[in-house]
Amino acid sequence: MPSIEVGTQLASQSACLNLLGVKDASKETPGANSRQLATIVVASVLAGELSLMSAIAAGQLVKSHMKYNRSTKYVTKVSS
């Protein structure tokens, strides 16, 4: 797999990549920062999916949506 540089000229995105320790290309191991960023993204998605599955299994998904106003009670109808 070819290595890619993980970087940006945008200040906020650059700061976030720097906080994660994956900004710019790795001089010692080309592609290491790209793989590390991919690992972080995959772990984040997996954590979200596990949270969603546990909410479904515990029967809390609908309750939490209703609690945080994701019900149709306050949704205004848009005429077609």
N, C-alpha and C. Protein backbone atom coordinates (compact mmCIF):
# COMPACT_ATOMS: atom_id res chain seq x y z
N MET A 1 0.85 -1.16 0.00
CA MET A 1 0.00 0.00 0.00
C MET A 1 0.90 1.24 0.00
N PRO A 2 0.64 2.17 -0.89
CA PRO A 2 1.48 3.36 -0.90
C PRO A 2 1.23 4.23 0.32
N SER A 3 2.26 4.92 0.78
CA SER A 3 2.10 5.79 1.94
C SER A 3 1.57 7.14 1.49
N ILE A 4 0.79 7.77 2.35
CA ILE A 4 0.29 9.11 2.08
C ILE A 4 0.66 10.01 3.24
N GLU A 5 0.75 11.29 2.98
CA GLU A 5 1.06 12.24 4.03
C GLU A 5 -0.24 12.68 4.68
N VAL A 6 -0.26 12.68 6.01
CA VAL A 6 -1.41 13.14 6.76
C VAL A 6 -1.11 14.56 7.21
N GLY A 7 -1.70 15.52 6.52
CA GLY A 7 -1.44 16.90 6.88
C GLY A 7 -2.44 17.82 6.21
N THR A 8 -2.46 19.07 6.65
CA THR A 8 -3.35 20.06 6.08
C THR A 8 -2.80 21.44 6.35
N GLN A 9 -3.21 22.39 5.56
CA GLN A 9 -2.81 23.78 5.76
C GLN A 9 -3.79 24.52 6.65
N LEU A 10 -4.92 23.91 6.97
CA LEU A 10 -5.94 24.53 7.80
C LEU A 10 -5.54 24.41 9.27
N ALA A 11 -5.58 25.52 9.98
CA ALA A 11 -5.05 25.57 11.34
C ALA A 11 -5.74 24.61 12.31
N SER A 12 -7.07 24.61 12.33
CA SER A 12 -7.77 23.77 13.31
C SER A 12 -7.57 22.28 13.03
N GLN A 13 -7.65 21.88 11.77
CA GLN A 13 -7.42 20.48 11.42
C GLN A 13 -5.98 20.08 11.70
N SER A 14 -5.06 20.98 11.41
CA SER A 14 -3.65 20.71 11.67
C SER A 14 -3.40 20.53 13.16
N ALA A 15 -4.04 21.36 13.98
CA ALA A 15 -3.88 21.25 15.43
C ALA A 15 -4.44 19.92 15.93
N CYS A 16 -5.57 19.49 15.40
CA CYS A 16 -6.15 18.21 15.81
C CYS A 16 -5.26 17.04 15.43
N LEU A 17 -4.73 17.07 14.21
CA LEU A 17 -3.80 16.01 13.80
C LEU A 17 -2.55 16.00 14.67
N ASN A 18 -2.10 17.18 15.06
CA ASN A 18 -0.94 17.29 15.94
C ASN A 18 -1.25 16.70 17.31
N LEU A 19 -2.45 16.98 17.85
CA LEU A 19 -2.85 16.40 19.14
C LEU A 19 -2.89 14.88 19.09
N LEU A 20 -3.31 14.34 17.96
CA LEU A 20 -3.37 12.88 17.80
C LEU A 20 -2.00 12.28 17.52
N GLY A 21 -1.04 13.13 17.21
CA GLY A 21 0.32 12.65 16.94
C GLY A 21 0.50 12.06 15.56
N VAL A 22 -0.32 12.49 14.61
CA VAL A 22 -0.25 11.92 13.26
C VAL A 22 -0.06 12.99 12.19
N LYS A 23 0.33 14.19 12.59
CA LYS A 23 0.49 15.27 11.62
C LYS A 23 1.73 15.04 10.76
N ASP A 24 1.59 15.29 9.49
CA ASP A 24 2.67 15.19 8.51
C ASP A 24 3.16 13.75 8.34
N ALA A 25 4.12 13.58 7.48
CA ALA A 25 4.64 12.25 7.17
C ALA A 25 5.64 11.82 8.24
N SER A 26 5.66 10.52 8.50
CA SER A 26 6.64 9.97 9.43
C SER A 26 7.96 9.80 8.69
N LYS A 27 8.99 10.41 9.19
CA LYS A 27 10.31 10.33 8.53
C LYS A 27 10.93 8.94 8.69
N GLU A 28 10.72 8.33 9.87
CA GLU A 28 11.32 7.03 10.15
C GLU A 28 10.59 5.89 9.45
N THR A 29 9.27 5.93 9.49
CA THR A 29 8.45 4.86 8.91
C THR A 29 7.37 5.47 8.02
N PRO A 30 7.63 5.57 6.72
CA PRO A 30 6.63 6.14 5.82
C PRO A 30 5.29 5.40 5.90
N GLY A 31 4.22 6.14 6.04
CA GLY A 31 2.89 5.55 6.11
C GLY A 31 2.42 5.24 7.52
N ALA A 32 3.30 5.37 8.50
CA ALA A 32 2.93 5.02 9.88
C ALA A 32 1.84 5.95 10.42
N ASN A 33 1.94 7.25 10.12
CA ASN A 33 0.94 8.19 10.62
C ASN A 33 -0.42 7.95 9.96
N SER A 34 -0.41 7.58 8.69
CA SER A 34 -1.67 7.27 7.99
C SER A 34 -2.33 6.06 8.62
N ARG A 35 -1.54 5.03 8.90
CA ARG A 35 -2.09 3.83 9.54
C ARG A 35 -2.59 4.13 10.94
N GLN A 36 -1.87 4.98 11.68
CA GLN A 36 -2.29 5.34 13.03
C GLN A 36 -3.61 6.12 12.99
N LEU A 37 -3.73 7.05 12.05
CA LEU A 37 -4.99 7.81 11.93
C LEU A 37 -6.13 6.88 11.55
N ALA A 38 -5.87 5.93 10.65
CA ALA A 38 -6.90 4.96 10.28
C ALA A 38 -7.32 4.13 11.49
N THR A 39 -6.36 3.75 12.32
CA THR A 39 -6.66 2.99 13.54
C THR A 39 -7.54 3.81 14.49
N ILE A 40 -7.23 5.10 14.63
CA ILE A 40 -8.02 5.97 15.49
C ILE A 40 -9.45 6.10 14.97
N VAL A 41 -9.60 6.28 13.67
CA VAL A 41 -10.93 6.40 13.06
C VAL A 41 -11.73 5.12 13.25
N VAL A 42 -11.10 3.98 12.99
CA VAL A 42 -11.79 2.69 13.14
C VAL A 42 -12.20 2.46 14.59
N ALA A 43 -11.32 2.78 15.53
CA ALA A 43 -11.65 2.60 16.96
C ALA A 43 -12.82 3.50 17.36
N SER A 44 -12.85 4.72 16.84
CA SER A 44 -13.94 5.65 17.15
C SER A 44 -15.27 5.15 16.60
N VAL A 45 -15.26 4.67 15.37
CA VAL A 45 -16.48 4.13 14.77
C VAL A 45 -16.94 2.89 15.52
N LEU A 46 -16.02 2.01 15.87
CA LEU A 46 -16.37 0.80 16.62
C LEU A 46 -16.98 1.15 17.97
N ALA A 47 -16.42 2.14 18.66
CA ALA A 47 -16.98 2.57 19.95
C ALA A 47 -18.40 3.09 19.78
N GLY A 48 -18.64 3.85 18.73
CA GLY A 48 -19.99 4.35 18.46
C GLY A 48 -20.97 3.23 18.16
N GLU A 49 -20.54 2.26 17.39
CA GLU A 49 -21.40 1.12 17.05
C GLU A 49 -21.71 0.28 18.29
N LEU A 50 -20.71 0.06 19.15
CA LEU A 50 -20.95 -0.70 20.38
C LEU A 50 -21.92 0.04 21.29
N SER A 51 -21.79 1.36 21.35
CA SER A 51 -22.71 2.16 22.15
C SER A 51 -24.13 2.06 21.61
N LEU A 52 -24.27 2.13 20.30
CA LEU A 52 -25.58 2.01 19.67
C LEU A 52 -26.19 0.64 19.93
N MET A 53 -25.40 -0.42 19.77
CA MET A 53 -25.92 -1.77 20.00
C MET A 53 -26.34 -1.97 21.46
N SER A 54 -25.57 -1.40 22.39
CA SER A 54 -25.94 -1.56 23.80
C SER A 54 -27.21 -0.79 24.12
N ALA A 55 -27.41 0.37 23.50
CA ALA A 55 -28.64 1.14 23.71
C ALA A 55 -29.84 0.39 23.15
N ILE A 56 -29.66 -0.24 22.01
CA ILE A 56 -30.75 -1.03 21.41
C ILE A 56 -31.07 -2.23 22.30
N ALA A 57 -30.02 -2.94 22.74
CA ALA A 57 -30.22 -4.13 23.56
C ALA A 57 -30.87 -3.80 24.90
N ALA A 58 -30.55 -2.65 25.46
CA ALA A 58 -31.11 -2.26 26.76
C ALA A 58 -32.47 -1.58 26.64
N GLY A 59 -32.91 -1.36 25.40
CA GLY A 59 -34.20 -0.72 25.18
C GLY A 59 -34.17 0.77 25.49
N GLN A 60 -33.00 1.38 25.43
CA GLN A 60 -32.87 2.80 25.77
C GLN A 60 -32.83 3.73 24.55
N LEU A 61 -32.74 3.19 23.36
CA LEU A 61 -32.57 4.03 22.18
C LEU A 61 -33.78 4.94 21.96
N VAL A 62 -34.97 4.39 21.97
CA VAL A 62 -36.17 5.19 21.75
C VAL A 62 -36.40 6.14 22.91
N LYS A 63 -36.16 5.67 24.13
CA LYS A 63 -36.34 6.52 25.31
C LYS A 63 -35.42 7.74 25.26
N SER A 64 -34.19 7.53 24.88
CA SER A 64 -33.26 8.66 24.83
C SER A 64 -33.62 9.63 23.72
N HIS A 65 -34.10 9.11 22.59
CA HIS A 65 -34.53 10.00 21.51
C HIS A 65 -35.73 10.83 21.94
N MET A 66 -36.65 10.22 22.64
CA MET A 66 -37.82 10.96 23.13
C MET A 66 -37.41 11.97 24.19
N LYS A 67 -36.48 11.60 25.05
CA LYS A 67 -36.04 12.49 26.12
C LYS A 67 -35.36 13.74 25.57
N TYR A 68 -34.56 13.56 24.54
CA TYR A 68 -33.81 14.68 23.99
C TYR A 68 -34.52 15.33 22.80
N ASN A 69 -35.84 15.25 22.81
CA ASN A 69 -36.70 15.97 21.88
C ASN A 69 -36.53 15.55 20.42
N ARG A 70 -36.38 14.29 20.19
CA ARG A 70 -36.36 13.81 18.82
C ARG A 70 -37.68 13.12 18.51
N SER A 71 -38.72 13.63 19.10
CA SER A 71 -40.05 13.07 18.87
C SER A 71 -40.76 13.93 17.84
N THR A 72 -41.88 13.45 17.40
CA THR A 72 -42.68 14.20 16.43
C THR A 72 -43.56 15.23 17.12
N LYS A 73 -43.52 15.25 18.44
CA LYS A 73 -44.37 16.17 19.19
C LYS A 73 -44.12 17.63 18.82
N TYR A 74 -42.85 18.00 18.64
CA TYR A 74 -42.50 19.39 18.38
C TYR A 74 -42.12 19.65 16.93
N VAL A 75 -42.26 18.67 16.09
CA VAL A 75 -41.91 18.85 14.69
C VAL A 75 -43.10 19.49 13.98
N THR A 76 -42.84 20.59 13.30
CA THR A 76 -43.90 21.24 12.55
C THR A 76 -44.05 20.56 11.21
N LYS A 77 -45.28 20.43 10.79
CA LYS A 77 -45.53 19.77 9.52
C LYS A 77 -45.26 20.74 8.37
N VAL A 78 -44.56 20.24 7.39
CA VAL A 78 -44.25 21.02 6.20
C VAL A 78 -45.25 20.63 5.15
N SER A 79 -45.94 21.61 4.61
CA SER A 79 -46.93 21.32 3.58
C SER A 79 -46.24 20.99 2.27
N SER A 80 -46.80 20.02 1.57
CA SER A 80 -46.19 19.58 0.29
C SER A 80 -46.64 20.47 -0.84
